[in-house]
Protein backbone atom coordinates (compact mmCIF):
# COMPACT_ATOMS: atom_id res chain seq x y z
CA MET A 1 -14.43 6.81 10.63
CA THR A 2 -10.85 5.65 11.23
CA GLU A 3 -8.44 7.74 9.18
CA SER A 4 -6.76 5.67 6.48
CA HIS A 5 -3.21 6.60 7.48
CA HIS A 6 -3.74 4.69 10.74
CA GLN A 7 -4.57 1.51 8.75
CA ARG A 8 -1.00 0.78 7.67
CA GLU A 9 -1.64 -2.93 7.12
CA ALA A 10 -4.10 -2.00 4.37
CA ALA A 11 -1.65 0.46 2.80
CA GLU A 12 0.97 -2.29 2.68
CA SER A 13 -1.33 -4.98 1.26
CA PHE A 14 -1.63 -3.84 -2.36
CA GLY A 15 1.49 -5.68 -3.48
CA ALA A 16 -0.35 -8.99 -3.20
CA GLU A 17 -2.17 -7.93 -6.38
CA ALA A 18 0.57 -5.82 -7.98
CA GLU A 19 0.27 -7.26 -11.48
CA ARG A 20 -3.52 -7.08 -11.43
CA TYR A 21 -3.37 -3.53 -10.03
CA ASP A 22 -1.20 -2.40 -12.92
CA ARG A 23 -3.43 -4.12 -15.46
CA ALA A 24 -6.85 -3.20 -14.10
CA ARG A 25 -6.63 0.16 -12.34
CA PRO A 26 -7.52 3.18 -14.49
CA SER A 27 -5.03 5.89 -15.31
CA TYR A 28 -5.70 9.59 -14.68
CA PRO A 29 -6.97 12.20 -17.15
CA GLN A 30 -3.92 13.26 -19.11
CA GLU A 31 -5.18 16.85 -19.25
CA LEU A 32 -5.02 16.99 -15.45
CA ILE A 33 -1.50 15.53 -15.43
CA HIS A 34 -0.55 18.11 -18.06
CA ARG A 35 -2.01 20.93 -15.97
CA ILE A 36 0.08 19.87 -12.98
CA VAL A 37 3.21 19.78 -15.12
CA GLU A 38 2.47 23.14 -16.72
CA ASN A 39 2.07 24.73 -13.29
CA SER A 40 5.23 23.25 -11.79
CA PRO A 41 8.60 25.05 -11.87
CA GLY A 42 10.68 22.21 -13.33
CA ARG A 43 10.89 18.59 -14.44
CA GLU A 44 12.01 16.71 -11.34
CA VAL A 45 9.10 14.81 -9.76
CA LEU A 46 8.77 12.63 -6.68
CA ASP A 47 5.82 10.23 -6.96
CA VAL A 48 4.79 9.28 -3.41
CA GLY A 49 3.01 5.95 -3.14
CA CYS A 50 3.80 5.35 -6.79
CA GLY A 51 2.43 1.82 -6.72
CA THR A 52 3.06 0.14 -10.04
CA GLY A 53 3.82 3.46 -11.74
CA ILE A 54 0.51 4.31 -13.42
CA ALA A 55 0.75 8.07 -12.77
CA ALA A 56 4.54 8.05 -13.10
CA ARG A 57 4.32 6.76 -16.67
CA GLN A 58 1.86 9.53 -17.51
CA LEU A 59 4.25 12.09 -16.04
CA ILE A 60 7.09 10.64 -18.11
CA GLU A 61 4.89 11.12 -21.18
CA GLU A 62 4.95 14.81 -20.22
CA LYS A 63 8.80 14.74 -20.30
CA GLN A 64 9.18 14.69 -16.52
CA GLU A 65 12.00 12.97 -14.64
CA VAL A 66 10.27 10.80 -12.04
CA LEU A 67 11.52 9.07 -8.90
CA GLY A 68 8.96 6.72 -7.40
CA LEU A 69 8.59 5.96 -3.72
CA ASP A 70 6.43 3.17 -2.31
CA VAL A 71 6.11 1.40 1.03
CA ASP A 72 5.46 -2.00 -0.59
CA PRO A 73 8.49 -3.68 -2.26
CA ARG A 74 6.19 -5.81 -4.44
CA MET A 75 4.55 -2.73 -5.95
CA ALA A 76 7.97 -1.14 -6.38
CA GLU A 77 9.27 -4.19 -8.21
CA GLN A 78 6.30 -4.13 -10.58
CA ALA A 79 7.06 -0.46 -11.32
CA ARG A 80 10.72 -1.25 -11.92
CA ARG A 81 9.70 -3.83 -14.50
CA GLN A 82 8.15 -0.91 -16.36
CA GLY A 83 11.51 0.86 -16.34
CA LEU A 84 10.85 3.23 -13.41
CA GLU A 85 13.32 4.16 -10.69
CA VAL A 86 11.72 3.37 -7.33
CA GLU A 87 12.85 3.49 -3.71
CA VAL A 88 11.06 1.62 -0.92
CA SER A 89 10.11 3.49 2.25
CA LYS A 90 7.26 4.98 4.22
CA PHE A 91 7.22 8.59 3.02
CA GLU A 92 7.25 10.15 6.48
CA ASP A 93 10.45 8.18 7.31
CA TRP A 94 12.17 8.45 3.93
CA ASP A 95 15.71 9.85 3.73
CA PRO A 96 15.91 12.01 0.57
CA LYS A 97 19.70 12.35 1.00
CA GLY A 98 19.53 16.05 0.29
CA ARG A 99 17.61 15.66 -2.97
CA GLN A 100 14.90 18.18 -3.84
CA PHE A 101 12.15 18.15 -6.43
CA ASP A 102 10.02 20.55 -8.43
CA THR A 103 6.85 18.53 -7.86
CA VAL A 104 5.59 16.04 -5.32
CA VAL A 105 2.72 13.93 -6.64
CA ALA A 106 0.67 11.29 -4.84
CA ALA A 107 -1.93 9.48 -6.95
CA GLN A 108 -4.53 7.44 -5.06
CA ALA A 109 -2.11 7.28 -2.13
CA TRP A 110 -2.09 10.36 0.14
CA HIS A 111 -4.85 9.03 2.41
CA TRP A 112 -2.28 6.43 3.58
CA VAL A 113 0.08 9.25 4.63
CA ASP A 114 -0.17 11.23 7.87
CA PRO A 115 -1.51 14.54 6.48
CA ILE A 116 0.53 16.88 8.66
CA ALA A 117 3.77 14.88 8.81
CA GLY A 118 3.42 14.18 5.10
CA ALA A 119 2.96 17.86 4.29
CA ALA A 120 6.07 18.73 6.30
CA LYS A 121 8.05 16.02 4.51
CA ALA A 122 6.82 17.25 1.13
CA ALA A 123 7.95 20.77 2.03
CA GLU A 124 11.36 19.38 2.99
CA VAL A 125 11.91 17.77 -0.40
CA LEU A 126 10.35 20.50 -2.55
CA LYS A 127 12.33 23.36 -4.00
CA PRO A 128 11.03 26.88 -3.26
CA GLY A 129 7.91 27.43 -5.35
CA GLY A 130 7.54 23.68 -5.92
CA ARG A 131 4.11 22.15 -6.32
CA ILE A 132 2.36 19.37 -4.41
CA ALA A 133 -0.47 17.59 -6.23
CA LEU A 134 -2.53 14.94 -4.44
CA ILE A 135 -4.70 13.08 -6.92
CA TRP A 136 -7.69 10.77 -6.52
CA ASN A 137 -9.86 8.95 -9.04
CA VAL A 138 -13.40 8.66 -7.64
CA PHE A 139 -15.73 6.24 -9.41
CA GLU A 140 -19.44 7.06 -9.20
CA PRO A 141 -21.99 4.38 -10.10
CA GLU A 142 -25.56 5.24 -10.89
CA PRO A 143 -27.65 5.61 -7.68
CA ALA A 144 -29.42 2.29 -8.24
CA ALA A 145 -26.08 0.48 -8.46
CA ARG A 146 -24.43 2.06 -5.41
CA LYS A 147 -25.45 -0.70 -3.02
CA VAL A 148 -23.87 -3.31 -5.29
CA PHE A 149 -20.52 -1.56 -5.33
CA ALA A 150 -20.73 -0.67 -1.64
CA ALA A 151 -21.05 -4.36 -0.76
CA ALA A 152 -17.58 -4.93 -2.22
CA ASN A 153 -15.92 -1.74 -1.00
CA VAL A 154 -17.20 -1.98 2.57
CA SER A 155 -15.07 -5.05 3.25
CA GLY A 156 -11.88 -3.03 3.32
CA PHE A 157 -13.34 0.01 5.07
CA PRO A 158 -16.27 -1.17 7.22
CA ASN A 159 -17.44 2.32 8.20
CA LEU A 160 -16.43 4.22 5.08
CA TRP A 161 -19.31 3.95 2.64
CA ALA A 162 -22.70 2.29 2.97
CA GLY A 163 -23.89 3.07 -0.55
CA ASP A 164 -26.50 5.55 0.63
CA ARG A 165 -24.74 8.65 -0.73
CA PRO A 166 -22.40 9.54 -3.60
CA ILE A 167 -18.87 8.18 -3.20
CA LEU A 168 -17.55 11.68 -3.83
CA ASP A 169 -19.08 12.74 -0.50
CA THR A 170 -16.80 10.27 1.27
CA TYR A 171 -13.75 11.28 -0.73
CA ASN A 172 -14.43 14.90 0.16
CA LEU A 173 -13.38 13.95 3.69
CA MET A 174 -10.03 12.80 2.28
CA PHE A 175 -9.66 16.03 0.31
CA GLU A 176 -10.45 18.12 3.38
CA ASN A 177 -8.00 16.11 5.46
CA ALA A 178 -5.25 16.68 2.90
CA GLU A 179 -6.02 20.39 2.68
CA ASP A 180 -6.05 20.68 6.45
CA GLY A 181 -2.64 19.01 6.68
CA LEU A 182 -1.15 21.35 4.09
CA GLU A 183 -2.54 24.39 5.89
CA LYS A 184 -1.46 23.27 9.36
CA SER A 185 2.07 22.54 8.17
CA GLY A 186 2.48 26.24 7.43
CA TYR A 187 4.65 25.57 4.38
CA PHE A 188 2.12 25.88 1.55
CA THR A 189 -0.14 28.38 -0.13
CA ARG A 190 -3.89 27.86 0.21
CA ALA A 191 -4.82 24.57 -1.48
CA GLU A 192 -6.94 24.43 -4.63
CA ARG A 193 -8.97 21.58 -6.07
CA TRP A 194 -8.57 20.86 -9.77
CA ARG A 195 -11.22 18.55 -11.19
CA ALA A 196 -11.76 16.49 -14.33
CA ASP A 197 -14.89 14.47 -15.14
CA TRP A 198 -14.80 11.51 -17.49
CA ASP A 199 -16.51 8.23 -18.32
CA ARG A 200 -15.22 4.75 -18.97
CA VAL A 201 -17.06 1.78 -20.42
CA TYR A 202 -16.38 -1.46 -18.51
CA THR A 203 -17.24 -5.01 -19.35
CA ARG A 204 -18.36 -7.09 -16.41
CA GLN A 205 -15.06 -8.98 -16.42
CA GLU A 206 -12.98 -5.79 -16.51
CA TRP A 207 -14.70 -4.51 -13.38
CA LEU A 208 -14.39 -7.84 -11.59
CA ASP A 209 -10.69 -7.89 -12.49
CA GLN A 210 -10.22 -4.53 -10.78
CA LEU A 211 -12.27 -5.32 -7.67
CA PRO A 212 -9.60 -7.33 -5.76
CA THR A 213 -7.25 -4.33 -5.97
CA PHE A 214 -9.46 -2.18 -3.75
CA GLY A 215 -8.05 -1.29 -0.33
CA GLY A 216 -8.19 -4.12 2.16
CA MET A 217 -9.45 -6.79 -0.25
CA SER A 218 -6.17 -8.74 -0.21
CA ARG A 219 -6.51 -9.17 3.56
CA LEU A 220 -9.84 -10.99 3.24
CA PRO A 221 -10.17 -14.78 3.10
CA LYS A 222 -10.39 -16.10 -0.45
CA ASP A 223 -13.89 -17.47 0.07
CA LYS A 224 -15.10 -14.02 1.14
CA VAL A 225 -13.55 -12.39 -1.91
CA ASP A 226 -15.05 -15.04 -4.19
CA GLU A 227 -18.48 -14.47 -2.62
CA MET A 228 -18.28 -10.72 -3.23
CA LEU A 229 -17.13 -11.23 -6.80
CA ALA A 230 -20.03 -13.59 -7.46
CA LYS A 231 -22.60 -11.22 -5.97
CA THR A 232 -21.20 -8.28 -7.92
CA ALA A 233 -21.07 -10.28 -11.16
CA ALA A 234 -24.72 -11.28 -10.77
CA ALA A 235 -25.77 -7.65 -10.39
CA LEU A 236 -23.77 -6.20 -13.29
CA ALA A 237 -24.77 -5.86 -16.92
CA ASP A 238 -22.49 -7.30 -19.61
CA SER A 239 -21.11 -3.77 -20.03
CA PHE A 240 -21.80 -0.48 -18.34
CA VAL A 241 -20.59 3.10 -18.13
CA MET A 242 -18.82 4.22 -14.97
CA HIS A 243 -18.52 7.92 -14.31
CA TYR A 244 -15.30 9.18 -12.75
CA VAL A 245 -14.38 12.40 -11.04
CA THR A 246 -10.64 12.99 -10.72
CA VAL A 247 -9.59 15.60 -8.17
CA ALA A 248 -6.15 17.04 -7.51
CA VAL A 249 -5.65 18.85 -4.20
CA THR A 250 -2.75 21.13 -5.03
CA ALA A 251 -0.68 23.95 -3.55
CA THR A 252 2.76 25.51 -3.89
CA LYS A 253 5.54 25.71 -1.36
CA LYS A 254 5.91 29.22 0.05
């Protein structure tokens, strides 16, 4: 499997669907966001790969002061429309201009970052005792429906998930990669995984609205996307429950 951080063109493609991304992508369990805040030494947060600001807005609800950073100017502009302060840069190359933060968060984004270089950069911008929290939402369809969802997801990541095992198994590789990067950097305490399980009811149209925001979809020809949407629509019920597991890989700077 090719590591995601080597697929930069996919990481930089989300802005083509920035408005849809902000509308359709789910937020993160607020109790997990609160736990990160409660276990951080202060209020200054850097949100790496902030996208349209979904996690940033939740952090602001927890009275945090958030600076967003994203590689895609279209995503950054969408976040700015929501009132967020955002700078545009690849994280590994970003110049913090001497600024330091209490928390570095990356929500649904760290797999686009080189895990070792990213960990070193996070250590550079964190204050002593600062926390890094790398968050992923993992949707988990019922076993009988996995093939349907795999048919859409596989277009962006051809060798990532064939629908023959739980999606969480694939994401575990991302978690392990992040943990390995933190450990190899030498700057962080042993990483922990914090987990929250939750369910969301989707209508067919709500799920189809989200589908084009998945990694790599914007790089496909329109007829291919339309074909996948049609096949998925035909296989979905009018409404259904999707189970989510949200995981935060987290550690503190030594």
